[in-house]
Amino acid sequence: MTAIHPQAQIGHIHLTVADLDRAEKFYTEILGFEVTSRFSQHAVFLSAGGYHHHIALNTWAGPNAKPPPLGSTGLYHFAILLPSRLELAKVIKRVIDCQVQVDGASDHHVSQAVYLRDPDGNGIELYVDRDPSEWIYQDGELVMTVDPLDLSELLAELS
């Protein structure tokens, strides 16, 4: 087997949504992405920091498309890596202030993550990595946990 190059990255994600305006509002006003392009009333591209797009939202399946039923295959969640705990705390404060339900918060030892869903039910992980020097390996394998993450402690970063 030939391994993919170790610097390969996931560049962007395209999500089918039922209501483009509602989805755009969520990703811009709550998560803080910027609109980079719009394609009539059917798609909008969003970015952080001026990249062409990290997230594309589309209604190509038709307006008011139904999400797949629970228990079916498809996207479980996608993850948005933030550069620091402070930046994660800023986004989580907006999420809470906008009354978006948080589904969970975990300390994975290698990262700290908060989980939620967009208005179309797509799972989102907002996370920050710990410095790799803090990661623990046991018998050559990376040790990861699913310990609870204290959101009040995370939000204290804002003080």
Protein backbone atom coordinates (compact mmCIF):
# COMPACT_ATOMS: atom_id res chain seq x y z
CA MET A 1 0.00 0.00 0.00
CA THR A 2 1.25 3.49 -0.83
CA ALA A 3 0.51 6.06 1.87
CA ILE A 4 -0.90 9.46 1.05
CA HIS A 5 1.58 12.31 1.55
CA PRO A 6 1.80 13.19 5.27
CA GLN A 7 1.03 16.87 4.59
CA ALA A 8 -2.24 16.12 2.79
CA GLN A 9 -5.19 17.99 4.28
CA ILE A 10 -8.95 18.06 3.88
CA GLY A 11 -9.51 21.31 1.99
CA HIS A 12 -13.24 21.98 2.03
CA ILE A 13 -16.66 20.46 2.45
CA HIS A 14 -19.88 20.81 0.44
CA LEU A 15 -23.13 20.49 2.37
CA THR A 16 -26.62 20.13 0.95
CA VAL A 17 -29.02 22.30 2.93
CA ALA A 18 -32.78 22.83 2.89
CA ASP A 19 -32.74 26.63 3.27
CA LEU A 20 -29.70 28.49 1.92
CA ASP A 21 -30.39 31.75 3.77
CA ARG A 22 -30.88 29.99 7.12
CA ALA A 23 -27.69 27.94 6.66
CA GLU A 24 -25.68 30.99 5.55
CA LYS A 25 -26.84 32.92 8.62
CA PHE A 26 -25.75 30.06 10.92
CA TYR A 27 -22.29 29.70 9.37
CA THR A 28 -21.63 33.47 9.14
CA GLU A 29 -23.35 34.99 12.17
CA ILE A 30 -22.80 32.17 14.67
CA LEU A 31 -19.62 30.39 13.53
CA GLY A 32 -18.08 33.51 11.95
CA PHE A 33 -17.22 32.40 8.41
CA GLU A 34 -17.25 34.97 5.57
CA VAL A 35 -19.06 34.70 2.22
CA THR A 36 -16.55 34.51 -0.65
CA SER A 37 -18.86 33.64 -3.57
CA ARG A 38 -22.53 33.22 -4.32
CA PHE A 39 -24.00 31.23 -7.19
CA SER A 40 -27.51 32.59 -7.81
CA GLN A 41 -29.95 31.29 -5.20
CA HIS A 42 -28.47 27.78 -5.18
CA ALA A 43 -25.04 27.91 -3.52
CA VAL A 44 -22.81 30.04 -1.33
CA PHE A 45 -19.11 29.54 -0.55
CA LEU A 46 -17.74 30.47 2.89
CA SER A 47 -14.21 31.01 4.11
CA ALA A 48 -12.03 31.78 7.08
CA GLY A 49 -9.18 34.15 6.31
CA GLY A 50 -9.80 34.67 2.60
CA TYR A 51 -9.35 31.09 1.32
CA HIS A 52 -11.57 30.42 -1.74
CA HIS A 53 -13.87 28.28 0.39
CA HIS A 54 -13.77 26.00 3.37
CA ILE A 55 -17.52 25.34 3.36
CA ALA A 56 -19.91 25.33 0.43
CA LEU A 57 -23.64 25.27 1.06
CA ASN A 58 -26.02 24.29 -1.71
CA THR A 59 -29.67 23.56 -2.41
CA TRP A 60 -28.96 21.43 -5.49
CA ALA A 61 -31.24 18.69 -4.11
CA GLY A 62 -34.05 21.26 -4.10
CA PRO A 63 -35.38 23.67 -1.51
CA ASN A 64 -36.53 22.04 1.72
CA ALA A 65 -34.61 18.83 0.95
CA LYS A 66 -34.99 16.31 3.76
CA PRO A 67 -31.98 15.13 5.76
CA PRO A 68 -31.15 11.41 5.67
CA PRO A 69 -32.92 9.41 8.37
CA LEU A 70 -31.08 8.55 11.57
CA GLY A 71 -29.25 5.27 11.32
CA SER A 72 -28.29 5.74 7.66
CA THR A 73 -24.82 6.18 6.26
CA GLY A 74 -23.37 9.56 5.41
CA LEU A 75 -21.59 12.40 7.15
CA TYR A 76 -21.31 11.88 10.91
CA HIS A 77 -19.63 15.24 11.47
CA PHE A 78 -16.94 17.47 10.09
CA ALA A 79 -14.39 19.25 12.24
CA ILE A 80 -13.25 22.86 12.36
CA LEU A 81 -9.79 23.28 13.91
CA LEU A 82 -9.30 26.55 15.76
CA PRO A 83 -5.83 27.93 16.56
CA SER A 84 -6.23 28.25 20.36
CA ARG A 85 -8.47 27.61 23.36
CA LEU A 86 -9.28 31.32 23.39
CA GLU A 87 -10.59 31.20 19.81
CA LEU A 88 -12.57 28.04 20.61
CA ALA A 89 -14.07 29.79 23.64
CA LYS A 90 -15.08 32.80 21.51
CA VAL A 91 -17.00 30.61 19.05
CA ILE A 92 -18.61 28.54 21.81
CA LYS A 93 -19.79 31.71 23.55
CA ARG A 94 -21.53 32.80 20.31
CA VAL A 95 -23.04 29.32 19.94
CA ILE A 96 -24.44 29.45 23.48
CA ASP A 97 -25.56 33.09 23.18
CA CYS A 98 -27.47 32.18 19.99
CA GLN A 99 -29.10 29.27 21.84
CA VAL A 100 -27.64 26.61 19.56
CA GLN A 101 -27.78 23.27 21.36
CA VAL A 102 -24.40 21.81 22.28
CA ASP A 103 -24.54 18.03 21.86
CA GLY A 104 -21.38 17.30 23.82
CA ALA A 105 -17.93 18.44 24.87
CA SER A 106 -14.94 16.12 25.18
CA ASP A 107 -11.32 16.20 26.18
CA HIS A 108 -9.64 13.67 23.89
CA HIS A 109 -6.22 14.33 25.46
CA VAL A 110 -4.84 15.21 22.02
CA SER A 111 -7.57 17.80 21.50
CA GLN A 112 -10.52 19.47 23.17
CA ALA A 113 -13.78 19.42 21.23
CA VAL A 114 -17.33 20.73 21.35
CA TYR A 115 -20.04 19.09 19.24
CA LEU A 116 -23.19 20.62 17.77
CA ARG A 117 -25.42 20.47 14.69
CA ASP A 118 -26.19 23.05 12.05
CA PRO A 119 -29.83 23.87 11.19
CA ASP A 120 -29.90 20.96 8.70
CA GLY A 121 -28.66 18.43 11.25
CA ASN A 122 -25.07 18.21 9.97
CA GLY A 123 -22.72 17.34 12.81
CA ILE A 124 -19.95 19.82 13.57
CA GLU A 125 -16.93 19.42 15.83
CA LEU A 126 -15.25 22.68 16.91
CA TYR A 127 -11.87 21.83 18.38
CA VAL A 128 -8.38 22.86 19.36
CA ASP A 129 -5.36 20.56 19.32
CA ARG A 130 -3.03 20.21 22.26
CA ASP A 131 0.64 20.63 21.51
CA PRO A 132 1.91 17.28 20.15
CA SER A 133 4.64 17.31 22.83
CA GLU A 134 1.81 16.68 25.35
CA TRP A 135 0.44 13.64 23.50
CA ILE A 136 0.94 10.26 25.12
CA TYR A 137 1.89 7.11 23.26
CA GLN A 138 1.55 3.63 24.72
CA ASP A 139 3.07 0.64 22.92
CA GLY A 140 3.57 2.82 19.86
CA GLU A 141 -0.08 3.92 19.67
CA LEU A 142 -1.50 7.34 20.40
CA VAL A 143 -3.61 7.39 23.57
CA MET A 144 -6.91 9.24 23.14
CA THR A 145 -9.68 9.71 25.68
CA VAL A 146 -13.32 10.76 25.71
CA ASP A 147 -13.24 12.60 29.02
CA PRO A 148 -15.75 15.39 29.71
CA LEU A 149 -14.70 18.92 28.80
CA ASP A 150 -15.82 21.57 31.27
CA LEU A 151 -17.41 24.33 29.17
CA SER A 152 -17.39 26.83 32.04
CA GLU A 153 -13.63 26.34 32.35
CA LEU A 154 -13.26 26.78 28.59
CA LEU A 155 -15.35 29.97 28.67
CA ALA A 156 -13.13 31.30 31.49
CA GLU A 157 -10.51 31.79 28.75
CA LEU A 158 -12.53 34.91 27.81
CA SER A 159 -11.77 36.62 31.16
